[in-house]
Amino acid sequence: MIEPDFLHTTRTAYDTWAARYAELFANGLEDFPLDRAMIGAFAAFVHAEGGGPVADLGCGPGHVTSLLDSLGLDVSGIDLSPEMIAIARAARPDLRFDVGSMTALDLADGKLAGAMARYSIIHTPPEQLPAVCAEFRRVLAPGGHLLVAFQAHDDPSALTESFDHKVALAYRWSPDRVAALLTETGFTEKARLVRAPLTDERPFPHAHLLLTKT
């Protein structure tokens, strides 16, 4: 199978930025209480359904994977960048980290009790997003939970707007349109958070969608 160009471009960019990226997020989510609250709610829903394997998709250097582990989840991380995975493995050798793509996850159908894609859909071209959403649904068990986070925009007439990301071309998404796409794919929305930006560097809102596979 021929790999889409955007995967090669994104992988190469994050391999180059991996060490710096890990430094920038060394303190985890200490400065993001609302983000932590949504991740905590995601973990609580997974536990309430009996638990099971959880995947942090686009895990980067593993800082949020580590948080999910601290919340008692049976979590592993997957990332497109081999350099990111090498850093994650060195930092947390007790956790499992694998190289992989959200476009074709090396996971069995219905394997996961939960999946998190935190800012990992932002480099996905709009025409590829439906296939990624379908892949999320494929790997989740019935009743499994999905948490998706991304930079957002507030124009519901447009699915996405591109922006100048430091690492690679990225997209801001309409929360309404992404939620509708996931609903069409076979998810039910349970909650959402749209928070204001915390800095003036990129004054974008940020969205978190929490959903369940129906």
C-alpha atoms as a PDB file:
ATOM      1  CA  MET A   1       0.000   0.000   0.000  1.00  0.00           C
ATOM      2  CA  ILE A   2       1.315   3.453  -0.931  1.00  0.00           C
ATOM      3  CA  GLU A   3       1.551   5.716   2.090  1.00  0.00           C
ATOM      4  CA  PRO A   4      -0.293   9.052   1.814  1.00  0.00           C
ATOM      5  CA  ASP A   5       2.083  11.991   1.452  1.00  0.00           C
ATOM      6  CA  PHE A   6       0.784  13.726   4.580  1.00  0.00           C
ATOM      7  CA  LEU A   7       1.888  10.816   6.770  1.00  0.00           C
ATOM      8  CA  HIS A   8       5.441  10.945   5.479  1.00  0.00           C
ATOM      9  CA  THR A   9       5.582  14.731   5.866  1.00  0.00           C
ATOM     10  CA  THR A  10       4.146  14.676   9.378  1.00  0.00           C
ATOM     11  CA  ARG A  11       6.400  11.824  10.524  1.00  0.00           C
ATOM     12  CA  THR A  12       9.524  13.512   9.218  1.00  0.00           C
ATOM     13  CA  ALA A  13       8.600  16.825  10.849  1.00  0.00           C
ATOM     14  CA  TYR A  14       7.902  15.297  14.261  1.00  0.00           C
ATOM     15  CA  ASP A  15      11.039  13.157  14.138  1.00  0.00           C
ATOM     16  CA  THR A  16      12.958  16.413  13.736  1.00  0.00           C
ATOM     17  CA  TRP A  17      11.074  18.183  16.539  1.00  0.00           C
ATOM     18  CA  ALA A  18      10.795  15.235  18.940  1.00  0.00           C
ATOM     19  CA  ALA A  19      13.431  16.257  21.508  1.00  0.00           C
ATOM     20  CA  ARG A  20      12.270  19.874  21.619  1.00  0.00           C
ATOM     21  CA  TYR A  21       8.624  18.818  21.795  1.00  0.00           C
ATOM     22  CA  ALA A  22       9.358  16.574  24.778  1.00  0.00           C
ATOM     23  CA  GLU A  23      11.051  19.485  26.559  1.00  0.00           C
ATOM     24  CA  LEU A  24       8.106  21.805  25.938  1.00  0.00           C
ATOM     25  CA  PHE A  25       5.640  19.365  27.504  1.00  0.00           C
ATOM     26  CA  ALA A  26       7.892  18.086  30.290  1.00  0.00           C
ATOM     27  CA  ASN A  27       5.454  19.312  32.960  1.00  0.00           C
ATOM     28  CA  GLY A  28       2.578  17.352  31.450  1.00  0.00           C
ATOM     29  CA  LEU A  29      -0.735  19.163  31.821  1.00  0.00           C
ATOM     30  CA  GLU A  30      -0.070  21.092  35.023  1.00  0.00           C
ATOM     31  CA  ASP A  31      -1.124  24.356  33.358  1.00  0.00           C
ATOM     32  CA  PHE A  32      -4.272  22.905  31.758  1.00  0.00           C
ATOM     33  CA  PRO A  33      -6.828  22.112  34.491  1.00  0.00           C
ATOM     34  CA  LEU A  34      -9.809  21.934  32.131  1.00  0.00           C
ATOM     35  CA  ASP A  35      -7.974  19.515  29.837  1.00  0.00           C
ATOM     36  CA  ARG A  36      -7.111  17.358  32.848  1.00  0.00           C
ATOM     37  CA  ALA A  37     -10.763  17.415  33.903  1.00  0.00           C
ATOM     38  CA  MET A  38     -11.904  16.045  30.534  1.00  0.00           C
ATOM     39  CA  ILE A  39      -9.216  13.365  30.616  1.00  0.00           C
ATOM     40  CA  GLY A  40     -10.333  12.484  34.143  1.00  0.00           C
ATOM     41  CA  ALA A  41     -13.949  12.197  32.975  1.00  0.00           C
ATOM     42  CA  PHE A  42     -12.830   9.963  30.098  1.00  0.00           C
ATOM     43  CA  ALA A  43     -10.984   7.704  32.548  1.00  0.00           C
ATOM     44  CA  ALA A  44     -13.996   7.591  34.874  1.00  0.00           C
ATOM     45  CA  PHE A  45     -16.311   6.503  32.048  1.00  0.00           C
ATOM     46  CA  VAL A  46     -13.889   3.755  30.982  1.00  0.00           C
ATOM     47  CA  HIS A  47     -13.684   2.485  34.561  1.00  0.00           C
ATOM     48  CA  ALA A  48     -17.479   2.640  34.930  1.00  0.00           C
ATOM     49  CA  GLU A  49     -17.842   0.289  31.956  1.00  0.00           C
ATOM     50  CA  GLY A  50     -15.491  -2.251  33.509  1.00  0.00           C
ATOM     51  CA  GLY A  51     -12.180  -1.001  32.155  1.00  0.00           C
ATOM     52  CA  GLY A  52     -10.008  -2.661  29.546  1.00  0.00           C
ATOM     53  CA  PRO A  53      -7.241  -1.667  27.133  1.00  0.00           C
ATOM     54  CA  VAL A  54      -6.958   2.016  26.243  1.00  0.00           C
ATOM     55  CA  ALA A  55      -4.849   3.562  23.469  1.00  0.00           C
ATOM     56  CA  ASP A  56      -3.351   7.042  23.465  1.00  0.00           C
ATOM     57  CA  LEU A  57      -3.337   7.704  19.721  1.00  0.00           C
ATOM     58  CA  GLY A  58      -0.731  10.240  18.700  1.00  0.00           C
ATOM     59  CA  CYS A  59       0.924   9.915  22.092  1.00  0.00           C
ATOM     60  CA  GLY A  60       4.042  11.919  21.258  1.00  0.00           C
ATOM     61  CA  PRO A  61       6.618  11.630  24.069  1.00  0.00           C
ATOM     62  CA  GLY A  62       4.082   9.890  26.304  1.00  0.00           C
ATOM     63  CA  HIS A  63       3.292  12.628  28.831  1.00  0.00           C
ATOM     64  CA  VAL A  64      -0.476  12.120  28.599  1.00  0.00           C
ATOM     65  CA  THR A  65      -0.083   8.348  28.359  1.00  0.00           C
ATOM     66  CA  SER A  66       1.619   8.597  31.734  1.00  0.00           C
ATOM     67  CA  LEU A  67      -1.305  10.628  33.101  1.00  0.00           C
ATOM     68  CA  LEU A  68      -3.783   7.995  31.905  1.00  0.00           C
ATOM     69  CA  ASP A  69      -1.690   5.324  33.612  1.00  0.00           C
ATOM     70  CA  SER A  70      -1.791   7.325  36.859  1.00  0.00           C
ATOM     71  CA  LEU A  71      -5.596   7.331  36.574  1.00  0.00           C
ATOM     72  CA  GLY A  72      -5.572   3.524  36.685  1.00  0.00           C
ATOM     73  CA  LEU A  73      -6.105   2.795  33.002  1.00  0.00           C
ATOM     74  CA  ASP A  74      -4.511  -0.113  31.137  1.00  0.00           C
ATOM     75  CA  VAL A  75      -2.976   2.235  28.592  1.00  0.00           C
ATOM     76  CA  SER A  76      -0.482   2.052  25.755  1.00  0.00           C
ATOM     77  CA  GLY A  77       0.702   4.738  23.339  1.00  0.00           C
ATOM     78  CA  ILE A  78       0.852   4.841  19.552  1.00  0.00           C
ATOM     79  CA  ASP A  79       2.537   7.525  17.475  1.00  0.00           C
ATOM     80  CA  LEU A  80       3.522   8.058  13.855  1.00  0.00           C
ATOM     81  CA  SER A  81       7.015   9.303  14.795  1.00  0.00           C
ATOM     82  CA  PRO A  82       9.687   6.710  15.689  1.00  0.00           C
ATOM     83  CA  GLU A  83      11.691   9.432  17.452  1.00  0.00           C
ATOM     84  CA  MET A  84       8.712  10.310  19.652  1.00  0.00           C
ATOM     85  CA  ILE A  85       8.232   6.650  20.509  1.00  0.00           C
ATOM     86  CA  ALA A  86      11.925   6.275  21.394  1.00  0.00           C
ATOM     87  CA  ILE A  87      11.636   9.208  23.840  1.00  0.00           C
ATOM     88  CA  ALA A  88       8.424   7.806  25.342  1.00  0.00           C
ATOM     89  CA  ARG A  89       9.966   4.357  25.827  1.00  0.00           C
ATOM     90  CA  ALA A  90      13.030   5.836  27.513  1.00  0.00           C
ATOM     91  CA  ALA A  91      10.908   7.945  29.867  1.00  0.00           C
ATOM     92  CA  ARG A  92       8.401   5.213  30.773  1.00  0.00           C
ATOM     93  CA  PRO A  93       9.893   1.768  30.102  1.00  0.00           C
ATOM     94  CA  ASP A  94       7.069   0.209  32.131  1.00  0.00           C
ATOM     95  CA  LEU A  95       4.485   1.264  29.538  1.00  0.00           C
ATOM     96  CA  ARG A  96       4.032   0.011  25.987  1.00  0.00           C
ATOM     97  CA  PHE A  97       4.636   2.385  23.084  1.00  0.00           C
ATOM     98  CA  ASP A  98       4.393   1.450  19.392  1.00  0.00           C
ATOM     99  CA  VAL A  99       4.894   3.205  16.076  1.00  0.00           C
ATOM    100  CA  GLY A 100       1.670   3.324  14.098  1.00  0.00           C
ATOM    101  CA  SER A 101      -0.796   5.427  12.129  1.00  0.00           C
ATOM    102  CA  MET A 102      -4.388   6.321  12.953  1.00  0.00           C
ATOM    103  CA  THR A 103      -5.229   5.639   9.318  1.00  0.00           C
ATOM    104  CA  ALA A 104      -4.520   1.908   9.790  1.00  0.00           C
ATOM    105  CA  LEU A 105      -4.116   0.873  13.422  1.00  0.00           C
ATOM    106  CA  ASP A 106      -2.493  -2.480  14.099  1.00  0.00           C
ATOM    107  CA  LEU A 107      -5.271  -3.387  16.524  1.00  0.00           C
ATOM    108  CA  ALA A 108      -7.997  -6.002  16.353  1.00  0.00           C
ATOM    109  CA  ASP A 109     -11.622  -5.022  15.822  1.00  0.00           C
ATOM    110  CA  GLY A 110     -13.339  -4.110  19.095  1.00  0.00           C
ATOM    111  CA  LYS A 111     -10.152  -4.434  21.140  1.00  0.00           C
ATOM    112  CA  LEU A 112     -10.243  -1.173  23.077  1.00  0.00           C
ATOM    113  CA  ALA A 113     -12.328   0.040  25.985  1.00  0.00           C
ATOM    114  CA  GLY A 114     -11.143   3.565  25.273  1.00  0.00           C
ATOM    115  CA  ALA A 115      -9.176   5.650  22.799  1.00  0.00           C
ATOM    116  CA  MET A 116      -7.846   9.162  23.101  1.00  0.00           C
ATOM    117  CA  ALA A 117      -6.716  11.312  20.166  1.00  0.00           C
ATOM    118  CA  ARG A 118      -5.450  14.486  21.806  1.00  0.00           C
ATOM    119  CA  TYR A 119      -4.392  16.996  19.146  1.00  0.00           C
ATOM    120  CA  SER A 120      -3.454  14.099  16.881  1.00  0.00           C
ATOM    121  CA  ILE A 121      -6.085  14.681  14.170  1.00  0.00           C
ATOM    122  CA  ILE A 122      -4.868  18.208  13.496  1.00  0.00           C
ATOM    123  CA  HIS A 123      -2.483  17.172  10.693  1.00  0.00           C
ATOM    124  CA  THR A 124      -5.092  14.991   8.967  1.00  0.00           C
ATOM    125  CA  PRO A 125      -6.324  16.436   5.652  1.00  0.00           C
ATOM    126  CA  PRO A 126     -10.102  16.977   5.731  1.00  0.00           C
ATOM    127  CA  GLU A 127     -10.766  14.325   3.081  1.00  0.00           C
ATOM    128  CA  GLN A 128      -8.972  11.744   5.245  1.00  0.00           C
ATOM    129  CA  LEU A 129     -10.835  12.474   8.480  1.00  0.00           C
ATOM    130  CA  PRO A 130     -13.864  10.202   7.814  1.00  0.00           C
ATOM    131  CA  ALA A 131     -11.545   7.219   7.391  1.00  0.00           C
ATOM    132  CA  VAL A 132      -9.744   8.053  10.636  1.00  0.00           C
ATOM    133  CA  CYS A 133     -13.084   8.320  12.467  1.00  0.00           C
ATOM    134  CA  ALA A 134     -14.085   4.935  11.055  1.00  0.00           C
ATOM    135  CA  GLU A 135     -10.810   3.498  12.328  1.00  0.00           C
ATOM    136  CA  PHE A 136     -11.554   4.847  15.814  1.00  0.00           C
ATOM    137  CA  ARG A 137     -14.895   3.045  15.754  1.00  0.00           C
ATOM    138  CA  ARG A 138     -13.419  -0.180  14.385  1.00  0.00           C
ATOM    139  CA  VAL A 139     -10.938  -0.635  17.240  1.00  0.00           C
ATOM    140  CA  LEU A 140     -13.354   0.292  20.043  1.00  0.00           C
ATOM    141  CA  ALA A 141     -15.572  -2.268  21.709  1.00  0.00           C
ATOM    142  CA  PRO A 142     -19.324  -1.536  21.871  1.00  0.00           C
ATOM    143  CA  GLY A 143     -19.782   1.046  24.599  1.00  0.00           C
ATOM    144  CA  GLY A 144     -16.118   2.059  24.361  1.00  0.00           C
ATOM    145  CA  HIS A 145     -15.234   5.704  24.900  1.00  0.00           C
ATOM    146  CA  LEU A 146     -13.406   8.170  22.663  1.00  0.00           C
ATOM    147  CA  LEU A 147     -11.873  11.502  23.655  1.00  0.00           C
ATOM    148  CA  VAL A 148     -10.808  13.784  20.798  1.00  0.00           C
ATOM    149  CA  ALA A 149      -9.156  17.186  21.307  1.00  0.00           C
ATOM    150  CA  PHE A 150      -8.141  19.753  18.711  1.00  0.00           C
ATOM    151  CA  GLN A 151      -7.691  23.435  17.972  1.00  0.00           C
ATOM    152  CA  ALA A 152     -11.103  24.742  16.966  1.00  0.00           C
ATOM    153  CA  HIS A 153     -12.830  27.460  14.992  1.00  0.00           C
ATOM    154  CA  ASP A 154     -16.374  28.762  15.362  1.00  0.00           C
ATOM    155  CA  ASP A 155     -17.666  28.745  11.779  1.00  0.00           C
ATOM    156  CA  PRO A 156     -20.066  25.771  11.549  1.00  0.00           C
ATOM    157  CA  SER A 157     -20.320  26.195   7.769  1.00  0.00           C
ATOM    158  CA  ALA A 158     -16.700  25.024   7.363  1.00  0.00           C
ATOM    159  CA  LEU A 159     -15.335  21.728   8.613  1.00  0.00           C
ATOM    160  CA  THR A 160     -11.797  23.023   8.904  1.00  0.00           C
ATOM    161  CA  GLU A 161      -9.415  25.946   8.545  1.00  0.00           C
ATOM    162  CA  SER A 162      -5.690  25.472   8.046  1.00  0.00           C
ATOM    163  CA  PHE A 163      -3.184  27.297  10.227  1.00  0.00           C
ATOM    164  CA  ASP A 164       0.571  27.716  10.425  1.00  0.00           C
ATOM    165  CA  HIS A 165       1.605  25.067  12.935  1.00  0.00           C
ATOM    166  CA  LYS A 166       5.255  25.155  14.057  1.00  0.00           C
ATOM    167  CA  VAL A 167       5.872  21.534  13.087  1.00  0.00           C
ATOM    168  CA  ALA A 168       3.708  20.749  10.037  1.00  0.00           C
ATOM    169  CA  LEU A 169       0.609  21.939   8.202  1.00  0.00           C
ATOM    170  CA  ALA A 170      -2.321  21.681  10.576  1.00  0.00           C
ATOM    171  CA  TYR A 171      -6.060  22.244  10.661  1.00  0.00           C
ATOM    172  CA  ARG A 172      -8.500  23.754  13.119  1.00  0.00           C
ATOM    173  CA  TRP A 173     -11.824  21.949  13.167  1.00  0.00           C
ATOM    174  CA  SER A 174     -15.431  22.933  13.766  1.00  0.00           C
ATOM    175  CA  PRO A 175     -16.562  21.124  16.956  1.00  0.00           C
ATOM    176  CA  ASP A 176     -20.107  20.849  15.584  1.00  0.00           C
ATOM    177  CA  ARG A 177     -18.946  19.375  12.289  1.00  0.00           C
ATOM    178  CA  VAL A 178     -16.505  16.920  13.879  1.00  0.00           C
ATOM    179  CA  ALA A 179     -19.177  15.820  16.365  1.00  0.00           C
ATOM    180  CA  ALA A 180     -21.630  15.328  13.489  1.00  0.00           C
ATOM    181  CA  LEU A 181     -19.093  13.280  11.529  1.00  0.00           C
ATOM    182  CA  LEU A 182     -18.408  11.053  14.521  1.00  0.00           C
ATOM    183  CA  THR A 183     -22.153  10.657  15.115  1.00  0.00           C
ATOM    184  CA  GLU A 184     -22.581   9.567  11.499  1.00  0.00           C
ATOM    185  CA  THR A 185     -19.717   7.113  12.000  1.00  0.00           C
ATOM    186  CA  GLY A 186     -21.502   5.450  14.921  1.00  0.00           C
ATOM    187  CA  PHE A 187     -20.747   7.428  18.076  1.00  0.00           C
ATOM    188  CA  THR A 188     -22.950   9.208  20.595  1.00  0.00           C
ATOM    189  CA  GLU A 189     -21.678  12.463  22.053  1.00  0.00           C
ATOM    190  CA  LYS A 190     -21.630  12.510  25.860  1.00  0.00           C
ATOM    191  CA  ALA A 191     -19.952  15.848  26.570  1.00  0.00           C
ATOM    192  CA  ARG A 192     -17.879  18.598  25.048  1.00  0.00           C
ATOM    193  CA  LEU A 193     -15.630  21.358  26.293  1.00  0.00           C
ATOM    194  CA  VAL A 194     -14.619  24.367  24.237  1.00  0.00           C
ATOM    195  CA  ARG A 195     -12.155  26.482  26.175  1.00  0.00           C
ATOM    196  CA  ALA A 196     -10.547  29.818  25.453  1.00  0.00           C
ATOM    197  CA  PRO A 197      -6.862  29.910  24.507  1.00  0.00           C
ATOM    198  CA  LEU A 198      -4.448  30.224  27.420  1.00  0.00           C
ATOM    199  CA  THR A 199      -1.892  32.376  25.583  1.00  0.00           C
ATOM    200  CA  ASP A 200      -1.919  35.096  22.940  1.00  0.00           C
ATOM    201  CA  GLU A 201       0.550  33.252  20.714  1.00  0.00           C
ATOM    202  CA  ARG A 202      -2.208  31.381  18.906  1.00  0.00           C
ATOM    203  CA  PRO A 203      -5.566  32.789  19.988  1.00  0.00           C
ATOM    204  CA  PHE A 204      -7.613  29.760  19.000  1.00  0.00           C
ATOM    205  CA  PRO A 205     -10.312  28.027  21.037  1.00  0.00           C
ATOM    206  CA  HIS A 206      -9.653  24.397  21.929  1.00  0.00           C
ATOM    207  CA  ALA A 207     -12.290  21.657  21.793  1.00  0.00           C
ATOM    208  CA  HIS A 208     -12.627  18.326  23.588  1.00  0.00           C
ATOM    209  CA  LEU A 209     -15.321  15.873  22.491  1.00  0.00           C
ATOM    210  CA  LEU A 210     -16.179  12.840  24.632  1.00  0.00           C
ATOM    211  CA  LEU A 211     -18.160  10.148  22.824  1.00  0.00           C
ATOM    212  CA  THR A 212     -19.281   6.543  23.143  1.00  0.00           C
ATOM    213  CA  LYS A 213     -19.376   3.911  20.430  1.00  0.00           C
ATOM    214  CA  THR A 214     -22.985   2.900  19.822  1.00  0.00           C
END
